[in-house]
């Protein structure tokens, strides 16, 4: 994921990506549940994709934070 915020350090970007990922995951769970309740397979599929996207962003954020922590200890 290319940085859209070159002025932020890895830890800050990691926190941002994790937060975005958690929000996407929650949004996906809501869509998945709504699709299941209403029988809307398309909405349910969108929800599952949002959950995958969210988990991926959260994982990237965790990795960025680890790199940032490592970098700050070696400055």
PDB file of N, CA and C in Angstrom:
ATOM      1  N   UNK A   1       0.854  -1.167   0.000  1.00  0.00           N
ATOM      2  CA  UNK A   1       0.000   0.000   0.000  1.00  0.00           C
ATOM      3  C   UNK A   1       0.898   1.227   0.000  1.00  0.00           C
ATOM      4  N   UNK A   2       0.794   2.038  -1.029  1.00  0.00           N
ATOM      5  CA  UNK A   2       1.630   3.230  -1.144  1.00  0.00           C
ATOM      6  C   UNK A   2       1.138   4.303  -0.177  1.00  0.00           C
ATOM      7  N   UNK A   3       2.073   4.961   0.461  1.00  0.00           N
ATOM      8  CA  UNK A   3       1.729   5.974   1.455  1.00  0.00           C
ATOM      9  C   UNK A   3       1.076   7.181   0.801  1.00  0.00           C
ATOM     10  N   UNK A   4      -0.077   7.566   1.330  1.00  0.00           N
ATOM     11  CA  UNK A   4      -0.732   8.781   0.874  1.00  0.00           C
ATOM     12  C   UNK A   4      -0.373   9.935   1.798  1.00  0.00           C
ATOM     13  N   UNK A   5       0.365   9.648   2.861  1.00  0.00           N
ATOM     14  CA  UNK A   5       0.711  10.645   3.869  1.00  0.00           C
ATOM     15  C   UNK A   5       2.221  10.605   4.139  1.00  0.00           C
ATOM     16  N   UNK A   6       3.037  11.167   3.230  1.00  0.00           N
ATOM     17  CA  UNK A   6       4.483  11.078   3.411  1.00  0.00           C
ATOM     18  C   UNK A   6       4.991  11.804   4.649  1.00  0.00           C
ATOM     19  N   UNK A   7       4.192  12.719   5.213  1.00  0.00           N
ATOM     20  CA  UNK A   7       4.625  13.462   6.387  1.00  0.00           C
ATOM     21  C   UNK A   7       4.368  12.691   7.685  1.00  0.00           C
ATOM     22  N   UNK A   8       3.683  11.575   7.625  1.00  0.00           N
ATOM     23  CA  UNK A   8       3.398  10.783   8.820  1.00  0.00           C
ATOM     24  C   UNK A   8       4.399   9.648   8.937  1.00  0.00           C
ATOM     25  N   UNK A   9       4.732   9.304  10.177  1.00  0.00           N
ATOM     26  CA  UNK A   9       5.647   8.181  10.355  1.00  0.00           C
ATOM     27  C   UNK A   9       4.878   6.867  10.248  1.00  0.00           C
ATOM     28  N   UNK A  10       5.610   5.770  10.236  1.00  0.00           N
ATOM     29  CA  UNK A  10       4.994   4.457  10.050  1.00  0.00           C
ATOM     30  C   UNK A  10       4.007   4.121  11.162  1.00  0.00           C
ATOM     31  N   UNK A  11       4.303   4.519  12.377  1.00  0.00           N
ATOM     32  CA  UNK A  11       3.407   4.210  13.485  1.00  0.00           C
ATOM     33  C   UNK A  11       2.065   4.927  13.306  1.00  0.00           C
ATOM     34  N   UNK A  12       2.111   6.200  12.939  1.00  0.00           N
ATOM     35  CA  UNK A  12       0.875   6.963  12.722  1.00  0.00           C
ATOM     36  C   UNK A  12       0.070   6.392  11.565  1.00  0.00           C
ATOM     37  N   UNK A  13       0.747   6.065  10.477  1.00  0.00           N
ATOM     38  CA  UNK A  13       0.045   5.479   9.328  1.00  0.00           C
ATOM     39  C   UNK A  13      -0.548   4.129   9.704  1.00  0.00           C
ATOM     40  N   UNK A  14       0.192   3.362  10.484  1.00  0.00           N
ATOM     41  CA  UNK A  14      -0.306   2.060  10.913  1.00  0.00           C
ATOM     42  C   UNK A  14      -1.562   2.185  11.748  1.00  0.00           C
ATOM     43  N   UNK A  15      -1.570   3.146  12.643  1.00  0.00           N
ATOM     44  CA  UNK A  15      -2.763   3.367  13.474  1.00  0.00           C
ATOM     45  C   UNK A  15      -3.946   3.781  12.603  1.00  0.00           C
ATOM     46  N   UNK A  16      -3.682   4.619  11.622  1.00  0.00           N
ATOM     47  CA  UNK A  16      -4.735   5.079  10.720  1.00  0.00           C
ATOM     48  C   UNK A  16      -5.301   3.918   9.897  1.00  0.00           C
ATOM     49  N   UNK A  17      -4.396   3.108   9.333  1.00  0.00           N
ATOM     50  CA  UNK A  17      -4.846   1.976   8.520  1.00  0.00           C
ATOM     51  C   UNK A  17      -5.617   0.956   9.359  1.00  0.00           C
ATOM     52  N   UNK A  18      -5.169   0.703  10.580  1.00  0.00           N
ATOM     53  CA  UNK A  18      -5.888  -0.229  11.455  1.00  0.00           C
ATOM     54  C   UNK A  18      -7.289   0.283  11.763  1.00  0.00           C
ATOM     55  N   UNK A  19      -7.401   1.580  12.048  1.00  0.00           N
ATOM     56  CA  UNK A  19      -8.716   2.157  12.345  1.00  0.00           C
ATOM     57  C   UNK A  19      -9.641   2.057  11.133  1.00  0.00           C
ATOM     58  N   UNK A  20      -9.108   2.375   9.957  1.00  0.00           N
ATOM     59  CA  UNK A  20      -9.906   2.263   8.735  1.00  0.00           C
ATOM     60  C   UNK A  20     -10.326   0.811   8.511  1.00  0.00           C
ATOM     61  N   UNK A  21      -9.407  -0.102   8.763  1.00  0.00           N
ATOM     62  CA  UNK A  21      -9.701  -1.519   8.584  1.00  0.00           C
ATOM     63  C   UNK A  21     -10.785  -2.008   9.523  1.00  0.00           C
ATOM     64  N   UNK A  22     -10.715  -1.582  10.765  1.00  0.00           N
ATOM     65  CA  UNK A  22     -11.734  -1.982  11.737  1.00  0.00           C
ATOM     66  C   UNK A  22     -13.105  -1.434  11.335  1.00  0.00           C
ATOM     67  N   UNK A  23     -13.133  -0.203  10.823  1.00  0.00           N
ATOM     68  CA  UNK A  23     -14.403   0.384  10.381  1.00  0.00           C
ATOM     69  C   UNK A  23     -14.955  -0.358   9.163  1.00  0.00           C
ATOM     70  N   UNK A  24     -14.082  -0.692   8.211  1.00  0.00           N
ATOM     71  CA  UNK A  24     -14.526  -1.455   7.040  1.00  0.00           C
ATOM     72  C   UNK A  24     -15.059  -2.830   7.458  1.00  0.00           C
ATOM     73  N   UNK A  25     -14.406  -3.446   8.429  1.00  0.00           N
ATOM     74  CA  UNK A  25     -14.832  -4.755   8.906  1.00  0.00           C
ATOM     75  C   UNK A  25     -16.228  -4.680   9.530  1.00  0.00           C
ATOM     76  N   UNK A  26     -16.450  -3.678  10.365  1.00  0.00           N
ATOM     77  CA  UNK A  26     -17.767  -3.504  10.998  1.00  0.00           C
ATOM     78  C   UNK A  26     -18.830  -3.228   9.932  1.00  0.00           C
ATOM     79  N   UNK A  27     -18.499  -2.336   8.981  1.00  0.00           N
ATOM     80  CA  UNK A  27     -19.427  -2.030   7.889  1.00  0.00           C
ATOM     81  C   UNK A  27     -19.763  -3.307   7.121  1.00  0.00           C
ATOM     82  N   UNK A  28     -18.755  -4.132   6.878  1.00  0.00           N
ATOM     83  CA  UNK A  28     -18.973  -5.385   6.170  1.00  0.00           C
ATOM     84  C   UNK A  28     -19.861  -6.345   6.941  1.00  0.00           C
ATOM     85  N   UNK A  29     -19.657  -6.419   8.240  1.00  0.00           N
ATOM     86  CA  UNK A  29     -20.495  -7.302   9.056  1.00  0.00           C
ATOM     87  C   UNK A  29     -21.952  -6.850   9.024  1.00  0.00           C
ATOM     88  N   UNK A  30     -22.160  -5.534   9.074  1.00  0.00           N
ATOM     89  CA  UNK A  30     -23.529  -5.006   9.006  1.00  0.00           C
ATOM     90  C   UNK A  30     -24.180  -5.322   7.657  1.00  0.00           C
ATOM     91  N   UNK A  31     -23.442  -5.113   6.570  1.00  0.00           N
ATOM     92  CA  UNK A  31     -23.976  -5.419   5.243  1.00  0.00           C
ATOM     93  C   UNK A  31     -24.265  -6.907   5.107  1.00  0.00           C
ATOM     94  N   UNK A  32     -23.344  -7.738   5.586  1.00  0.00           N
ATOM     95  CA  UNK A  32     -23.506  -9.183   5.519  1.00  0.00           C
ATOM     96  C   UNK A  32     -24.777  -9.600   6.265  1.00  0.00           C
ATOM     97  N   UNK A  33     -24.950  -9.072   7.468  1.00  0.00           N
ATOM     98  CA  UNK A  33     -26.126  -9.412   8.268  1.00  0.00           C
ATOM     99  C   UNK A  33     -27.408  -8.899   7.611  1.00  0.00           C
ATOM    100  N   UNK A  34     -27.385  -7.658   7.114  1.00  0.00           N
ATOM    101  CA  UNK A  34     -28.567  -7.094   6.461  1.00  0.00           C
ATOM    102  C   UNK A  34     -28.922  -7.900   5.214  1.00  0.00           C
ATOM    103  N   UNK A  35     -27.912  -8.270   4.454  1.00  0.00           N
ATOM    104  CA  UNK A  35     -28.148  -9.082   3.261  1.00  0.00           C
ATOM    105  C   UNK A  35     -28.726 -10.439   3.604  1.00  0.00           C
ATOM    106  N   UNK A  36     -28.240 -11.034   4.689  1.00  0.00           N
ATOM    107  CA  UNK A  36     -28.760 -12.317   5.124  1.00  0.00           C
ATOM    108  C   UNK A  36     -30.204 -12.227   5.588  1.00  0.00           C
ATOM    109  N   UNK A  37     -30.531 -11.156   6.296  1.00  0.00           N
ATOM    110  CA  UNK A  37     -31.899 -10.985   6.804  1.00  0.00           C
ATOM    111  C   UNK A  37     -32.904 -10.700   5.689  1.00  0.00           C
ATOM    112  N   UNK A  38     -32.450  -9.949   4.686  1.00  0.00           N
ATOM    113  CA  UNK A  38     -33.365  -9.555   3.606  1.00  0.00           C
ATOM    114  C   UNK A  38     -33.305 -10.486   2.404  1.00  0.00           C
ATOM    115  N   UNK A  39     -32.371 -11.419   2.410  1.00  0.00           N
ATOM    116  CA  UNK A  39     -32.226 -12.314   1.271  1.00  0.00           C
ATOM    117  C   UNK A  39     -31.517 -11.673   0.096  1.00  0.00           C
ATOM    118  N   UNK A  40     -30.793 -10.573   0.342  1.00  0.00           N
ATOM    119  CA  UNK A  40     -30.070  -9.851  -0.710  1.00  0.00           C
ATOM    120  C   UNK A  40     -28.647 -10.400  -0.800  1.00  0.00           C
ATOM    121  N   UNK A  41     -28.456 -11.345  -1.719  1.00  0.00           N
ATOM    122  CA  UNK A  41     -27.160 -12.009  -1.859  1.00  0.00           C
ATOM    123  C   UNK A  41     -26.054 -11.034  -2.266  1.00  0.00           C
ATOM    124  N   UNK A  42     -26.405 -10.036  -3.089  1.00  0.00           N
ATOM    125  CA  UNK A  42     -25.401  -9.059  -3.527  1.00  0.00           C
ATOM    126  C   UNK A  42     -24.895  -8.241  -2.335  1.00  0.00           C
ATOM    127  N   UNK A  43     -25.807  -7.773  -1.481  1.00  0.00           N
ATOM    128  CA  UNK A  43     -25.426  -7.002  -0.303  1.00  0.00           C
ATOM    129  C   UNK A  43     -24.591  -7.865   0.643  1.00  0.00           C
ATOM    130  N   UNK A  44     -24.969  -9.120   0.772  1.00  0.00           N
ATOM    131  CA  UNK A  44     -24.232 -10.034   1.634  1.00  0.00           C
ATOM    132  C   UNK A  44     -22.803 -10.232   1.100  1.00  0.00           C
ATOM    133  N   UNK A  45     -22.676 -10.386  -0.211  1.00  0.00           N
ATOM    134  CA  UNK A  45     -21.348 -10.549  -0.824  1.00  0.00           C
ATOM    135  C   UNK A  45     -20.505  -9.282  -0.639  1.00  0.00           C
ATOM    136  N   UNK A  46     -21.139  -8.112  -0.807  1.00  0.00           N
ATOM    137  CA  UNK A  46     -20.416  -6.856  -0.583  1.00  0.00           C
ATOM    138  C   UNK A  46     -19.919  -6.786   0.858  1.00  0.00           C
ATOM    139  N   UNK A  47     -20.739  -7.237   1.772  1.00  0.00           N
ATOM    140  CA  UNK A  47     -20.348  -7.244   3.177  1.00  0.00           C
ATOM    141  C   UNK A  47     -19.144  -8.126   3.425  1.00  0.00           C
ATOM    142  N   UNK A  48     -19.147  -9.292   2.822  1.00  0.00           N
ATOM    143  CA  UNK A  48     -18.015 -10.206   3.000  1.00  0.00           C
ATOM    144  C   UNK A  48     -16.737  -9.601   2.420  1.00  0.00           C
ATOM    145  N   UNK A  49     -16.871  -8.921   1.257  1.00  0.00           N
ATOM    146  CA  UNK A  49     -15.701  -8.272   0.652  1.00  0.00           C
ATOM    147  C   UNK A  49     -15.203  -7.119   1.529  1.00  0.00           C
ATOM    148  N   UNK A  50     -16.114  -6.349   2.099  1.00  0.00           N
ATOM    149  CA  UNK A  50     -15.712  -5.263   2.998  1.00  0.00           C
ATOM    150  C   UNK A  50     -14.981  -5.817   4.216  1.00  0.00           C
ATOM    151  N   UNK A  51     -15.425  -6.969   4.707  1.00  0.00           N
ATOM    152  CA  UNK A  51     -14.757  -7.584   5.853  1.00  0.00           C
ATOM    153  C   UNK A  51     -13.330  -7.999   5.489  1.00  0.00           C
ATOM    154  N   UNK A  52     -13.158  -8.578   4.312  1.00  0.00           N
ATOM    155  CA  UNK A  52     -11.812  -8.974   3.868  1.00  0.00           C
ATOM    156  C   UNK A  52     -10.931  -7.736   3.713  1.00  0.00           C
ATOM    157  N   UNK A  53     -11.496  -6.708   3.083  1.00  0.00           N
ATOM    158  CA  UNK A  53     -10.745  -5.446   2.902  1.00  0.00           C
ATOM    159  C   UNK A  53     -10.360  -4.868   4.257  1.00  0.00           C
ATOM    160  N   UNK A  54     -11.282  -4.886   5.199  1.00  0.00           N
ATOM    161  CA  UNK A  54     -11.008  -4.355   6.528  1.00  0.00           C
ATOM    162  C   UNK A  54      -9.931  -5.127   7.256  1.00  0.00           C
ATOM    163  N   UNK A  55     -10.006  -6.440   7.201  1.00  0.00           N
ATOM    164  CA  UNK A  55      -8.996  -7.260   7.870  1.00  0.00           C
ATOM    165  C   UNK A  55      -7.619  -7.038   7.245  1.00  0.00           C
ATOM    166  N   UNK A  56      -7.597  -6.859   5.924  1.00  0.00           N
ATOM    167  CA  UNK A  56      -6.330  -6.613   5.232  1.00  0.00           C
ATOM    168  C   UNK A  56      -5.727  -5.275   5.654  1.00  0.00           C
ATOM    169  N   UNK A  57      -6.559  -4.223   5.682  1.00  0.00           N
ATOM    170  CA  UNK A  57      -6.062  -2.905   6.115  1.00  0.00           C
ATOM    171  C   UNK A  57      -5.564  -2.954   7.559  1.00  0.00           C
ATOM    172  N   UNK A  58      -6.296  -3.650   8.413  1.00  0.00           N
ATOM    173  CA  UNK A  58      -5.901  -3.755   9.814  1.00  0.00           C
ATOM    174  C   UNK A  58      -4.549  -4.465   9.928  1.00  0.00           C
ATOM    175  N   UNK A  59      -4.367  -5.528   9.162  1.00  0.00           N
ATOM    176  CA  UNK A  59      -3.094  -6.264   9.185  1.00  0.00           C
ATOM    177  C   UNK A  59      -1.951  -5.387   8.685  1.00  0.00           C
ATOM    178  N   UNK A  60      -2.199  -4.642   7.612  1.00  0.00           N
ATOM    179  CA  UNK A  60      -1.174  -3.724   7.094  1.00  0.00           C
ATOM    180  C   UNK A  60      -0.829  -2.698   8.167  1.00  0.00           C
ATOM    181  N   UNK A  61      -1.848  -2.186   8.840  1.00  0.00           N
ATOM    182  CA  UNK A  61      -1.619  -1.218   9.912  1.00  0.00           C
ATOM    183  C   UNK A  61      -0.779  -1.786  11.034  1.00  0.00           C
ATOM    184  N   UNK A  62      -1.045  -3.030  11.413  1.00  0.00           N
ATOM    185  CA  UNK A  62      -0.254  -3.674  12.470  1.00  0.00           C
ATOM    186  C   UNK A  62       1.203  -3.810  12.052  1.00  0.00           C
ATOM    187  N   UNK A  63       1.421  -4.175  10.797  1.00  0.00           N
ATOM    188  CA  UNK A  63       2.789  -4.318  10.288  1.00  0.00           C
ATOM    189  C   UNK A  63       3.481  -2.952  10.284  1.00  0.00           C
ATOM    190  N   UNK A  64       2.776  -1.923   9.818  1.00  0.00           N
ATOM    191  CA  UNK A  64       3.359  -0.580   9.791  1.00  0.00           C
ATOM    192  C   UNK A  64       3.726  -0.116  11.199  1.00  0.00           C
ATOM    193  N   UNK A  65       2.865  -0.395  12.170  1.00  0.00           N
ATOM    194  CA  UNK A  65       3.164   0.003  13.557  1.00  0.00           C
ATOM    195  C   UNK A  65       4.398  -0.727  14.073  1.00  0.00           C
ATOM    196  N   UNK A  66       4.518  -2.005  13.770  1.00  0.00           N
ATOM    197  CA  UNK A  66       5.701  -2.767  14.203  1.00  0.00           C
ATOM    198  C   UNK A  66       6.968  -2.178  13.584  1.00  0.00           C
ATOM    199  N   UNK A  67       6.898  -1.848  12.299  1.00  0.00           N
ATOM    200  CA  UNK A  67       8.059  -1.242  11.626  1.00  0.00           C
ATOM    201  C   UNK A  67       8.375   0.109  12.270  1.00  0.00           C
ATOM    202  N   UNK A  68       7.344   0.898  12.528  1.00  0.00           N
ATOM    203  CA  UNK A  68       7.543   2.202  13.157  1.00  0.00           C
ATOM    204  C   UNK A  68       8.164   2.089  14.535  1.00  0.00           C
ATOM    205  N   UNK A  69       7.703   1.113  15.314  1.00  0.00           N
ATOM    206  CA  UNK A  69       8.269   0.896  16.648  1.00  0.00           C
ATOM    207  C   UNK A  69       9.731   0.482  16.541  1.00  0.00           C
ATOM    208  N   UNK A  70      10.015  -0.389  15.587  1.00  0.00           N
ATOM    209  CA  UNK A  70      11.383  -0.860  15.386  1.00  0.00           C
ATOM    210  C   UNK A  70      12.279   0.312  14.969  1.00  0.00           C
ATOM    211  N   UNK A  71      11.785   1.128  14.017  1.00  0.00           N
ATOM    212  CA  UNK A  71      12.563   2.272  13.536  1.00  0.00           C
ATOM    213  C   UNK A  71      12.839   3.277  14.653  1.00  0.00           C
ATOM    214  N   UNK A  72      11.839   3.536  15.489  1.00  0.00           N
ATOM    215  CA  UNK A  72      12.011   4.545  16.539  1.00  0.00           C
ATOM    216  C   UNK A  72      13.017   4.061  17.600  1.00  0.00           C
ATOM    217  N   UNK A  73      13.132   2.774  17.780  1.00  0.00           N
ATOM    218  CA  UNK A  73      14.106   2.246  18.745  1.00  0.00           C
ATOM    219  C   UNK A  73      15.528   2.295  18.213  1.00  0.00           C
ATOM    220  N   UNK A  74      15.657   2.405  16.883  1.00  0.00           N
ATOM    221  CA  UNK A  74      16.989   2.383  16.275  1.00  0.00           C
ATOM    222  C   UNK A  74      17.404   3.727  15.691  1.00  0.00           C
ATOM    223  N   UNK A  75      16.775   4.777  16.149  1.00  0.00           N
ATOM    224  CA  UNK A  75      17.154   6.116  15.646  1.00  0.00           C
ATOM    225  C   UNK A  75      18.282   6.688  16.463  1.00  0.00           C
TER     226      UNK A  75
END
